[in-house]
Amino acid sequence: PDGDILATGGGATLYDFVPDTPKHSACLNDGCVFQWPPLVEDGPITVG
């Protein structure tokens, strides 16, 4: 309802974390990584 957003082909909504920088993730501790799993490359990335 608030407009188009980025997601995966499987329907998982994708988020960004404001403290991050383009070259550094600030979500590194156990609690953060468990609650907010990083989207990790494991092969080719296709764009829809």
All heavy atoms as atom14 arrays in JSON, in Angstrom:
{
  "sequence": "PDGDILATGGGATLYDFVPDTPKHSACLNDGCVFQWPPLVEDGPITVG",
  "atom14_mask": [
    [1, 1, 1, 1, 1, 1, 1, 0, 0, 0, 0, 0, 0, 0],
    [1, 1, 1, 1, 1, 1, 1, 1, 0, 0, 0, 0, 0, 0],
    [1, 1, 1, 1, 0, 0, 0, 0, 0, 0, 0, 0, 0, 0],
    [1, 1, 1, 1, 1, 1, 1, 1, 0, 0, 0, 0, 0, 0],
    [1, 1, 1, 1, 1, 1, 1, 1, 0, 0, 0, 0, 0, 0],
    [1, 1, 1, 1, 1, 1, 1, 1, 0, 0, 0, 0, 0, 0],
    [1, 1, 1, 1, 1, 0, 0, 0, 0, 0, 0, 0, 0, 0],
    [1, 1, 1, 1, 1, 1, 1, 0, 0, 0, 0, 0, 0, 0],
    [1, 1, 1, 1, 0, 0, 0, 0, 0, 0, 0, 0, 0, 0],
    [1, 1, 1, 1, 0, 0, 0, 0, 0, 0, 0, 0, 0, 0],
    [1, 1, 1, 1, 0, 0, 0, 0, 0, 0, 0, 0, 0, 0],
    [1, 1, 1, 1, 1, 0, 0, 0, 0, 0, 0, 0, 0, 0],
    [1, 1, 1, 1, 1, 1, 1, 0, 0, 0, 0, 0, 0, 0],
    [1, 1, 1, 1, 1, 1, 1, 1, 0, 0, 0, 0, 0, 0],
    [1, 1, 1, 1, 1, 1, 1, 1, 1, 1, 1, 1, 0, 0],
    [1, 1, 1, 1, 1, 1, 1, 1, 0, 0, 0, 0, 0, 0],
    [1, 1, 1, 1, 1, 1, 1, 1, 1, 1, 1, 0, 0, 0],
    [1, 1, 1, 1, 1, 1, 1, 0, 0, 0, 0, 0, 0, 0],
    [1, 1, 1, 1, 1, 1, 1, 0, 0, 0, 0, 0, 0, 0],
    [1, 1, 1, 1, 1, 1, 1, 1, 0, 0, 0, 0, 0, 0],
    [1, 1, 1, 1, 1, 1, 1, 0, 0, 0, 0, 0, 0, 0],
    [1, 1, 1, 1, 1, 1, 1, 0, 0, 0, 0, 0, 0, 0],
    [1, 1, 1, 1, 1, 1, 1, 1, 1, 0, 0, 0, 0, 0],
    [1, 1, 1, 1, 1, 1, 1, 1, 1, 1, 0, 0, 0, 0],
    [1, 1, 1, 1, 1, 1, 0, 0, 0, 0, 0, 0, 0, 0],
    [1, 1, 1, 1, 1, 0, 0, 0, 0, 0, 0, 0, 0, 0],
    [1, 1, 1, 1, 1, 1, 0, 0, 0, 0, 0, 0, 0, 0],
    [1, 1, 1, 1, 1, 1, 1, 1, 0, 0, 0, 0, 0, 0],
    [1, 1, 1, 1, 1, 1, 1, 1, 0, 0, 0, 0, 0, 0],
    [1, 1, 1, 1, 1, 1, 1, 1, 0, 0, 0, 0, 0, 0],
    [1, 1, 1, 1, 0, 0, 0, 0, 0, 0, 0, 0, 0, 0],
    [1, 1, 1, 1, 1, 1, 0, 0, 0, 0, 0, 0, 0, 0],
    [1, 1, 1, 1, 1, 1, 1, 0, 0, 0, 0, 0, 0, 0],
    [1, 1, 1, 1, 1, 1, 1, 1, 1, 1, 1, 0, 0, 0],
    [1, 1, 1, 1, 1, 1, 1, 1, 1, 0, 0, 0, 0, 0],
    [1, 1, 1, 1, 1, 1, 1, 1, 1, 1, 1, 1, 1, 1],
    [1, 1, 1, 1, 1, 1, 1, 0, 0, 0, 0, 0, 0, 0],
    [1, 1, 1, 1, 1, 1, 1, 0, 0, 0, 0, 0, 0, 0],
    [1, 1, 1, 1, 1, 1, 1, 1, 0, 0, 0, 0, 0, 0],
    [1, 1, 1, 1, 1, 1, 1, 0, 0, 0, 0, 0, 0, 0],
    [1, 1, 1, 1, 1, 1, 1, 1, 1, 0, 0, 0, 0, 0],
    [1, 1, 1, 1, 1, 1, 1, 1, 0, 0, 0, 0, 0, 0],
    [1, 1, 1, 1, 0, 0, 0, 0, 0, 0, 0, 0, 0, 0],
    [1, 1, 1, 1, 1, 1, 1, 0, 0, 0, 0, 0, 0, 0],
    [1, 1, 1, 1, 1, 1, 1, 1, 0, 0, 0, 0, 0, 0],
    [1, 1, 1, 1, 1, 1, 1, 0, 0, 0, 0, 0, 0, 0],
    [1, 1, 1, 1, 1, 1, 1, 0, 0, 0, 0, 0, 0, 0],
    [1, 1, 1, 1, 0, 0, 0, 0, 0, 0, 0, 0, 0, 0]
  ],
  "atom14_positions": [
    [[0.81, -1.22, 0.0], [0.0, 0.0, 0.0], [0.85, 1.28, 0.0], [0.38, 2.34, -0.41], [-0.8, -0.1, 1.3], [-0.83, -1.55, 1.63], [0.46, -2.11, 1.11], [0.0, 0.0, 0.0], [0.0, 0.0, 0.0], [0.0, 0.0, 0.0], [0.0, 0.0, 0.0], [0.0, 0.0, 0.0], [0.0, 0.0, 0.0], [0.0, 0.0, 0.0]],
    [[2.11, 1.19, 0.45], [2.99, 2.36, 0.48], [3.92, 2.43, -0.73], [4.87, 3.21, -0.73], [3.8, 2.36, 1.77], [2.97, 2.84, 2.94], [2.05, 2.11, 3.33], [3.22, 3.95, 3.43], [0.0, 0.0, 0.0], [0.0, 0.0, 0.0], [0.0, 0.0, 0.0], [0.0, 0.0, 0.0], [0.0, 0.0, 0.0], [0.0, 0.0, 0.0]],
    [[3.68, 1.6, -1.72], [4.49, 1.6, -2.93], [5.25, 0.3, -3.1], [5.2, -0.59, -2.26], [0.0, 0.0, 0.0], [0.0, 0.0, 0.0], [0.0, 0.0, 0.0], [0.0, 0.0, 0.0], [0.0, 0.0, 0.0], [0.0, 0.0, 0.0], [0.0, 0.0, 0.0], [0.0, 0.0, 0.0], [0.0, 0.0, 0.0], [0.0, 0.0, 0.0]],
    [[5.94, 0.19, -4.22], [6.71, -1.01, -4.53], [7.98, -1.06, -3.67], [8.6, -0.02, -3.42], [7.1, -1.04, -6.01], [5.9, -1.25, -6.92], [4.83, -1.66, -6.42], [6.04, -1.01, -8.13], [0.0, 0.0, 0.0], [0.0, 0.0, 0.0], [0.0, 0.0, 0.0], [0.0, 0.0, 0.0], [0.0, 0.0, 0.0], [0.0, 0.0, 0.0]],
    [[8.32, -2.28, -3.23], [9.51, -2.48, -2.41], [10.31, -3.66, -2.95], [9.79, -4.5, -3.7], [9.18, -2.7, -0.92], [8.34, -3.97, -0.71], [8.5, -1.47, -0.34], [8.13, -4.36, 0.75], [0.0, 0.0, 0.0], [0.0, 0.0, 0.0], [0.0, 0.0, 0.0], [0.0, 0.0, 0.0], [0.0, 0.0, 0.0], [0.0, 0.0, 0.0]],
    [[11.55, -3.75, -2.53], [12.46, -4.81, -2.95], [12.18, -6.09, -2.16], [11.95, -6.04, -0.95], [13.89, -4.36, -2.72], [15.0, -5.02, -3.5], [14.82, -4.84, -5.0], [16.34, -4.45, -3.07], [0.0, 0.0, 0.0], [0.0, 0.0, 0.0], [0.0, 0.0, 0.0], [0.0, 0.0, 0.0], [0.0, 0.0, 0.0], [0.0, 0.0, 0.0]],
    [[12.21, -7.24, -2.85], [11.98, -8.55, -2.23], [12.78, -9.6, -3.0], [13.38, -9.3, -4.03], [10.49, -8.9, -2.25], [0.0, 0.0, 0.0], [0.0, 0.0, 0.0], [0.0, 0.0, 0.0], [0.0, 0.0, 0.0], [0.0, 0.0, 0.0], [0.0, 0.0, 0.0], [0.0, 0.0, 0.0], [0.0, 0.0, 0.0], [0.0, 0.0, 0.0]],
    [[12.76, -10.82, -2.51], [13.36, -11.93, -3.25], [12.27, -12.59, -4.1], [11.08, -12.4, -3.84], [13.96, -13.0, -2.31], [12.89, -13.65, -1.61], [14.95, -12.39, -1.34], [0.0, 0.0, 0.0], [0.0, 0.0, 0.0], [0.0, 0.0, 0.0], [0.0, 0.0, 0.0], [0.0, 0.0, 0.0], [0.0, 0.0, 0.0], [0.0, 0.0, 0.0]],
    [[12.67, -13.39, -5.05], [11.72, -14.13, -5.87], [10.86, -15.07, -5.06], [9.75, -15.39, -5.46], [0.0, 0.0, 0.0], [0.0, 0.0, 0.0], [0.0, 0.0, 0.0], [0.0, 0.0, 0.0], [0.0, 0.0, 0.0], [0.0, 0.0, 0.0], [0.0, 0.0, 0.0], [0.0, 0.0, 0.0], [0.0, 0.0, 0.0], [0.0, 0.0, 0.0]],
    [[11.35, -15.48, -3.89], [10.58, -16.34, -2.99], [9.61, -15.58, -2.12], [8.89, -16.16, -1.32], [0.0, 0.0, 0.0], [0.0, 0.0, 0.0], [0.0, 0.0, 0.0], [0.0, 0.0, 0.0], [0.0, 0.0, 0.0], [0.0, 0.0, 0.0], [0.0, 0.0, 0.0], [0.0, 0.0, 0.0], [0.0, 0.0, 0.0], [0.0, 0.0, 0.0]],
    [[9.57, -14.25, -2.24], [8.62, -13.44, -1.49], [9.12, -12.88, -0.18], [8.35, -12.3, 0.58], [0.0, 0.0, 0.0], [0.0, 0.0, 0.0], [0.0, 0.0, 0.0], [0.0, 0.0, 0.0], [0.0, 0.0, 0.0], [0.0, 0.0, 0.0], [0.0, 0.0, 0.0], [0.0, 0.0, 0.0], [0.0, 0.0, 0.0], [0.0, 0.0, 0.0]],
    [[10.42, -13.03, 0.11], [10.95, -12.47, 1.35], [11.21, -10.98, 1.17], [11.93, -10.56, 0.26], [12.25, -13.18, 1.73], [0.0, 0.0, 0.0], [0.0, 0.0, 0.0], [0.0, 0.0, 0.0], [0.0, 0.0, 0.0], [0.0, 0.0, 0.0], [0.0, 0.0, 0.0], [0.0, 0.0, 0.0], [0.0, 0.0, 0.0], [0.0, 0.0, 0.0]],
    [[10.64, -10.18, 2.05], [10.87, -8.73, 2.04], [12.31, -8.46, 2.41], [12.87, -9.1, 3.3], [9.92, -8.06, 3.04], [8.57, -8.36, 2.66], [10.12, -6.55, 3.07], [0.0, 0.0, 0.0], [0.0, 0.0, 0.0], [0.0, 0.0, 0.0], [0.0, 0.0, 0.0], [0.0, 0.0, 0.0], [0.0, 0.0, 0.0], [0.0, 0.0, 0.0]],
    [[12.93, -7.49, 1.74], [14.31, -7.12, 2.02], [14.37, -5.77, 2.73], [13.6, -4.86, 2.41], [15.12, -7.08, 0.72], [15.24, -8.45, 0.04], [15.89, -8.32, -1.33], [16.01, -9.42, 0.93], [0.0, 0.0, 0.0], [0.0, 0.0, 0.0], [0.0, 0.0, 0.0], [0.0, 0.0, 0.0], [0.0, 0.0, 0.0], [0.0, 0.0, 0.0]],
    [[15.26, -5.68, 3.71], [15.4, -4.49, 4.54], [16.84, -3.98, 4.5], [17.77, -4.74, 4.22], [15.09, -4.84, 6.01], [13.69, -5.32, 6.24], [13.36, -6.67, 6.12], [12.67, -4.43, 6.59], [12.07, -7.12, 6.36], [11.37, -4.88, 6.84], [11.08, -6.23, 6.71], [9.8, -6.67, 6.94], [0.0, 0.0, 0.0], [0.0, 0.0, 0.0]],
    [[17.0, -2.69, 4.83], [18.34, -2.16, 5.06], [18.4, -1.66, 6.5], [17.38, -1.44, 7.14], [18.7, -1.06, 4.05], [18.27, 0.32, 4.48], [17.07, 0.54, 4.69], [19.15, 1.18, 4.61], [0.0, 0.0, 0.0], [0.0, 0.0, 0.0], [0.0, 0.0, 0.0], [0.0, 0.0, 0.0], [0.0, 0.0, 0.0], [0.0, 0.0, 0.0]],
    [[19.62, -1.54, 7.01], [19.89, -1.12, 8.39], [20.63, 0.21, 8.32], [21.72, 0.29, 7.76], [20.74, -2.21, 9.05], [20.99, -2.05, 10.52], [20.03, -1.54, 11.38], [22.2, -2.48, 11.05], [20.28, -1.45, 12.74], [22.46, -2.38, 12.41], [21.5, -1.87, 13.26], [0.0, 0.0, 0.0], [0.0, 0.0, 0.0], [0.0, 0.0, 0.0]],
    [[20.04, 1.25, 8.88], [20.58, 2.6, 8.74], [22.05, 2.73, 9.18], [22.82, 3.42, 8.5], [19.68, 3.63, 9.47], [20.31, 5.01, 9.51], [18.32, 3.7, 8.76], [0.0, 0.0, 0.0], [0.0, 0.0, 0.0], [0.0, 0.0, 0.0], [0.0, 0.0, 0.0], [0.0, 0.0, 0.0], [0.0, 0.0, 0.0], [0.0, 0.0, 0.0]],
    [[22.53, 2.08, 10.25], [23.94, 2.23, 10.62], [24.95, 1.63, 9.63], [26.15, 1.87, 9.74], [24.05, 1.51, 11.97], [22.67, 1.54, 12.53], [21.78, 1.41, 11.32], [0.0, 0.0, 0.0], [0.0, 0.0, 0.0], [0.0, 0.0, 0.0], [0.0, 0.0, 0.0], [0.0, 0.0, 0.0], [0.0, 0.0, 0.0], [0.0, 0.0, 0.0]],
    [[24.5, 0.82, 8.67], [25.4, 0.25, 7.67], [25.99, 1.32, 6.77], [25.43, 2.41, 6.63], [24.66, -0.75, 6.77], [24.32, -2.07, 7.44], [24.84, -2.34, 8.54], [23.55, -2.84, 6.85], [0.0, 0.0, 0.0], [0.0, 0.0, 0.0], [0.0, 0.0, 0.0], [0.0, 0.0, 0.0], [0.0, 0.0, 0.0], [0.0, 0.0, 0.0]],
    [[27.1, 0.98, 6.12], [27.67, 1.79, 5.05], [27.72, 0.91, 3.81], [27.54, -0.3, 3.9], [29.09, 2.3, 5.39], [29.98, 1.18, 5.41], [29.11, 3.03, 6.73], [0.0, 0.0, 0.0], [0.0, 0.0, 0.0], [0.0, 0.0, 0.0], [0.0, 0.0, 0.0], [0.0, 0.0, 0.0], [0.0, 0.0, 0.0], [0.0, 0.0, 0.0]],
    [[27.98, 1.47, 2.64], [28.04, 0.64, 1.44], [29.07, -0.49, 1.5], [28.92, -1.5, 0.82], [28.39, 1.63, 0.33], [27.81, 2.93, 0.81], [28.05, 2.9, 2.3], [0.0, 0.0, 0.0], [0.0, 0.0, 0.0], [0.0, 0.0, 0.0], [0.0, 0.0, 0.0], [0.0, 0.0, 0.0], [0.0, 0.0, 0.0], [0.0, 0.0, 0.0]],
    [[30.09, -0.37, 2.32], [31.14, -1.39, 2.39], [31.22, -2.1, 3.73], [32.11, -2.91, 3.96], [32.51, -0.76, 2.07], [32.61, -0.22, 0.66], [32.57, -1.35, -0.33], [32.66, -0.83, -1.75], [32.36, -1.84, -2.73], [0.0, 0.0, 0.0], [0.0, 0.0, 0.0], [0.0, 0.0, 0.0], [0.0, 0.0, 0.0], [0.0, 0.0, 0.0]],
    [[30.29, -1.79, 4.68], [30.36, -2.38, 6.01], [28.97, -2.63, 6.58], [28.14, -1.72, 6.64], [31.13, -1.45, 6.95], [31.14, -1.9, 8.37], [31.89, -2.96, 8.82], [30.45, -1.46, 9.43], [31.68, -3.14, 10.11], [30.8, -2.24, 10.51], [0.0, 0.0, 0.0], [0.0, 0.0, 0.0], [0.0, 0.0, 0.0], [0.0, 0.0, 0.0]],
    [[28.74, -3.86, 7.03], [27.53, -4.2, 7.75], [27.73, -3.94, 9.23], [28.74, -4.35, 9.8], [27.18, -5.69, 7.54], [26.17, -6.07, 8.45], [0.0, 0.0, 0.0], [0.0, 0.0, 0.0], [0.0, 0.0, 0.0], [0.0, 0.0, 0.0], [0.0, 0.0, 0.0], [0.0, 0.0, 0.0], [0.0, 0.0, 0.0], [0.0, 0.0, 0.0]],
    [[26.8, -3.25, 9.86], [26.85, -3.01, 11.31], [26.09, -4.08, 12.08], [26.12, -4.11, 13.3], [26.28, -1.63, 11.62], [0.0, 0.0, 0.0], [0.0, 0.0, 0.0], [0.0, 0.0, 0.0], [0.0, 0.0, 0.0], [0.0, 0.0, 0.0], [0.0, 0.0, 0.0], [0.0, 0.0, 0.0], [0.0, 0.0, 0.0], [0.0, 0.0, 0.0]],
    [[25.41, -4.98, 11.38], [24.67, -6.08, 12.01], [25.6, -7.29, 12.07], [25.67, -8.08, 11.13], [23.41, -6.39, 11.2], [22.4, -7.73, 11.87], [0.0, 0.0, 0.0], [0.0, 0.0, 0.0], [0.0, 0.0, 0.0], [0.0, 0.0, 0.0], [0.0, 0.0, 0.0], [0.0, 0.0, 0.0], [0.0, 0.0, 0.0], [0.0, 0.0, 0.0]],
    [[26.34, -7.4, 13.19], [27.36, -8.43, 13.29], [27.22, -9.34, 14.51], [27.75, -10.44, 14.51], [28.75, -7.78, 13.32], [29.13, -6.96, 12.09], [30.44, -6.24, 12.32], [29.2, -7.84, 10.86], [0.0, 0.0, 0.0], [0.0, 0.0, 0.0], [0.0, 0.0, 0.0], [0.0, 0.0, 0.0], [0.0, 0.0, 0.0], [0.0, 0.0, 0.0]],
    [[26.55, -8.88, 15.58], [26.47, -9.72, 16.78], [25.41, -10.81, 16.62], [24.57, -10.77, 15.72], [26.24, -8.86, 18.03], [24.86, -8.24, 18.07], [23.85, -8.92, 18.07], [24.81, -6.91, 18.09], [0.0, 0.0, 0.0], [0.0, 0.0, 0.0], [0.0, 0.0, 0.0], [0.0, 0.0, 0.0], [0.0, 0.0, 0.0], [0.0, 0.0, 0.0]],
    [[25.46, -11.8, 17.5], [24.57, -12.96, 17.41], [23.09, -12.59, 17.33], [22.36, -13.11, 16.5], [24.78, -13.9, 18.61], [26.12, -14.58, 18.62], [26.78, -14.64, 17.57], [26.53, -15.06, 19.7], [0.0, 0.0, 0.0], [0.0, 0.0, 0.0], [0.0, 0.0, 0.0], [0.0, 0.0, 0.0], [0.0, 0.0, 0.0], [0.0, 0.0, 0.0]],
    [[22.65, -11.69, 18.22], [21.24, -11.32, 18.25], [20.79, -10.66, 16.96], [19.73, -10.97, 16.42], [0.0, 0.0, 0.0], [0.0, 0.0, 0.0], [0.0, 0.0, 0.0], [0.0, 0.0, 0.0], [0.0, 0.0, 0.0], [0.0, 0.0, 0.0], [0.0, 0.0, 0.0], [0.0, 0.0, 0.0], [0.0, 0.0, 0.0], [0.0, 0.0, 0.0]],
    [[21.6, -9.76, 16.45], [21.25, -9.05, 15.22], [21.2, -10.0, 14.03], [20.23, -10.01, 13.27], [22.23, -7.91, 14.96], [21.74, -6.84, 13.6], [0.0, 0.0, 0.0], [0.0, 0.0, 0.0], [0.0, 0.0, 0.0], [0.0, 0.0, 0.0], [0.0, 0.0, 0.0], [0.0, 0.0, 0.0], [0.0, 0.0, 0.0], [0.0, 0.0, 0.0]],
    [[22.22, -10.81, 13.87], [22.29, -11.73, 12.72], [21.17, -12.77, 12.78], [20.63, -13.17, 11.76], [23.68, -12.39, 12.63], [23.71, -13.5, 11.61], [24.72, -11.34, 12.29], [0.0, 0.0, 0.0], [0.0, 0.0, 0.0], [0.0, 0.0, 0.0], [0.0, 0.0, 0.0], [0.0, 0.0, 0.0], [0.0, 0.0, 0.0], [0.0, 0.0, 0.0]],
    [[20.79, -13.19, 14.0], [19.69, -14.14, 14.12], [18.38, -13.49, 13.72], [17.6, -14.07, 12.96], [19.59, -14.68, 15.55], [18.4, -15.58, 15.74], [18.43, -16.89, 15.27], [17.25, -15.12, 16.34], [17.33, -17.71, 15.41], [16.14, -15.94, 16.49], [16.18, -17.24, 16.02], [0.0, 0.0, 0.0], [0.0, 0.0, 0.0], [0.0, 0.0, 0.0]],
    [[18.12, -12.29, 14.23], [16.85, -11.61, 13.96], [16.78, -11.06, 12.53], [15.72, -11.06, 11.92], [16.68, -10.45, 14.95], [15.29, -9.92, 15.03], [14.33, -10.85, 15.76], [14.71, -11.8, 16.41], [13.07, -10.56, 15.64], [0.0, 0.0, 0.0], [0.0, 0.0, 0.0], [0.0, 0.0, 0.0], [0.0, 0.0, 0.0], [0.0, 0.0, 0.0]],
    [[17.9, -10.61, 11.99], [17.97, -9.97, 10.68], [19.02, -10.69, 9.83], [20.13, -10.2, 9.65], [18.34, -8.5, 10.82], [17.38, -7.71, 11.65], [17.45, -7.47, 12.98], [16.18, -7.08, 11.19], [16.37, -6.72, 13.38], [15.58, -6.47, 12.3], [15.56, -6.98, 9.94], [14.39, -5.76, 12.21], [14.38, -6.27, 9.85], [13.8, -5.66, 10.97]],
    [[18.73, -11.87, 9.29], [19.72, -12.61, 8.5], [20.18, -11.83, 7.26], [19.36, -11.37, 6.47], [18.98, -13.88, 8.07], [17.87, -14.02, 9.06], [17.47, -12.61, 9.42], [0.0, 0.0, 0.0], [0.0, 0.0, 0.0], [0.0, 0.0, 0.0], [0.0, 0.0, 0.0], [0.0, 0.0, 0.0], [0.0, 0.0, 0.0], [0.0, 0.0, 0.0]],
    [[21.49, -11.65, 7.11], [22.01, -10.98, 5.92], [21.68, -11.78, 4.66], [21.68, -13.01, 4.69], [23.53, -10.94, 6.15], [23.71, -11.19, 7.61], [22.55, -12.02, 8.04], [0.0, 0.0, 0.0], [0.0, 0.0, 0.0], [0.0, 0.0, 0.0], [0.0, 0.0, 0.0], [0.0, 0.0, 0.0], [0.0, 0.0, 0.0], [0.0, 0.0, 0.0]],
    [[21.41, -11.1, 3.58], [21.19, -11.75, 2.29], [22.57, -12.01, 1.69], [23.28, -11.08, 1.34], [20.35, -10.87, 1.37], [19.87, -11.53, 0.08], [18.91, -12.68, 0.38], [19.22, -10.51, -0.82], [0.0, 0.0, 0.0], [0.0, 0.0, 0.0], [0.0, 0.0, 0.0], [0.0, 0.0, 0.0], [0.0, 0.0, 0.0], [0.0, 0.0, 0.0]],
    [[22.93, -13.29, 1.61], [24.28, -13.68, 1.21], [24.27, -14.31, -0.17], [23.42, -15.14, -0.48], [24.88, -14.66, 2.26], [26.23, -15.17, 1.82], [25.0, -13.96, 3.6], [0.0, 0.0, 0.0], [0.0, 0.0, 0.0], [0.0, 0.0, 0.0], [0.0, 0.0, 0.0], [0.0, 0.0, 0.0], [0.0, 0.0, 0.0], [0.0, 0.0, 0.0]],
    [[25.24, -13.89, -0.98], [25.4, -14.4, -2.34], [25.92, -15.83, -2.3], [26.87, -16.14, -1.6], [26.37, -13.51, -3.09], [26.61, -13.92, -4.53], [27.64, -13.03, -5.17], [28.72, -12.85, -4.6], [27.33, -12.52, -6.26], [0.0, 0.0, 0.0], [0.0, 0.0, 0.0], [0.0, 0.0, 0.0], [0.0, 0.0, 0.0], [0.0, 0.0, 0.0]],
    [[25.27, -16.71, -3.06], [25.7, -18.1, -3.17], [25.5, -18.57, -4.61], [25.07, -19.69, -4.84], [24.9, -18.97, -2.19], [25.45, -20.37, -2.07], [26.67, -20.55, -2.19], [24.64, -21.3, -1.85], [0.0, 0.0, 0.0], [0.0, 0.0, 0.0], [0.0, 0.0, 0.0], [0.0, 0.0, 0.0], [0.0, 0.0, 0.0], [0.0, 0.0, 0.0]],
    [[25.76, -17.71, -5.56], [25.56, -18.03, -6.96], [25.1, -16.8, -7.7], [25.17, -15.68, -7.19], [0.0, 0.0, 0.0], [0.0, 0.0, 0.0], [0.0, 0.0, 0.0], [0.0, 0.0, 0.0], [0.0, 0.0, 0.0], [0.0, 0.0, 0.0], [0.0, 0.0, 0.0], [0.0, 0.0, 0.0], [0.0, 0.0, 0.0], [0.0, 0.0, 0.0]],
    [[24.6, -16.99, -8.91], [24.19, -15.83, -9.72], [22.99, -15.09, -9.13], [22.12, -15.69, -8.52], [23.84, -16.45, -11.08], [23.6, -17.89, -10.81], [24.39, -18.26, -9.6], [0.0, 0.0, 0.0], [0.0, 0.0, 0.0], [0.0, 0.0, 0.0], [0.0, 0.0, 0.0], [0.0, 0.0, 0.0], [0.0, 0.0, 0.0], [0.0, 0.0, 0.0]],
    [[23.0, -13.79, -9.33], [21.88, -12.94, -8.89], [21.13, -12.51, -10.13], [21.7, -11.92, -11.04], [22.39, -11.7, -8.13], [23.24, -12.12, -6.93], [21.23, -10.82, -7.7], [24.0, -10.96, -6.31], [0.0, 0.0, 0.0], [0.0, 0.0, 0.0], [0.0, 0.0, 0.0], [0.0, 0.0, 0.0], [0.0, 0.0, 0.0], [0.0, 0.0, 0.0]],
    [[19.84, -12.81, -10.16], [18.98, -12.42, -11.27], [18.13, -11.24, -10.81], [17.73, -11.18, -9.65], [18.06, -13.59, -11.67], [18.86, -14.73, -11.93], [17.22, -13.26, -12.88], [0.0, 0.0, 0.0], [0.0, 0.0, 0.0], [0.0, 0.0, 0.0], [0.0, 0.0, 0.0], [0.0, 0.0, 0.0], [0.0, 0.0, 0.0], [0.0, 0.0, 0.0]],
    [[17.88, -10.31, -11.7], [17.01, -9.19, -11.35], [15.72, -9.29, -12.17], [15.76, -9.55, -13.37], [17.7, -7.82, -11.55], [18.87, -7.68, -10.62], [18.12, -7.6, -12.97], [0.0, 0.0, 0.0], [0.0, 0.0, 0.0], [0.0, 0.0, 0.0], [0.0, 0.0, 0.0], [0.0, 0.0, 0.0], [0.0, 0.0, 0.0], [0.0, 0.0, 0.0]],
    [[14.61, -9.09, -11.49], [13.32, -9.12, -12.13], [12.95, -7.76, -12.69], [13.69, -6.78, -12.52], [0.0, 0.0, 0.0], [0.0, 0.0, 0.0], [0.0, 0.0, 0.0], [0.0, 0.0, 0.0], [0.0, 0.0, 0.0], [0.0, 0.0, 0.0], [0.0, 0.0, 0.0], [0.0, 0.0, 0.0], [0.0, 0.0, 0.0], [0.0, 0.0, 0.0]]
  ]
}
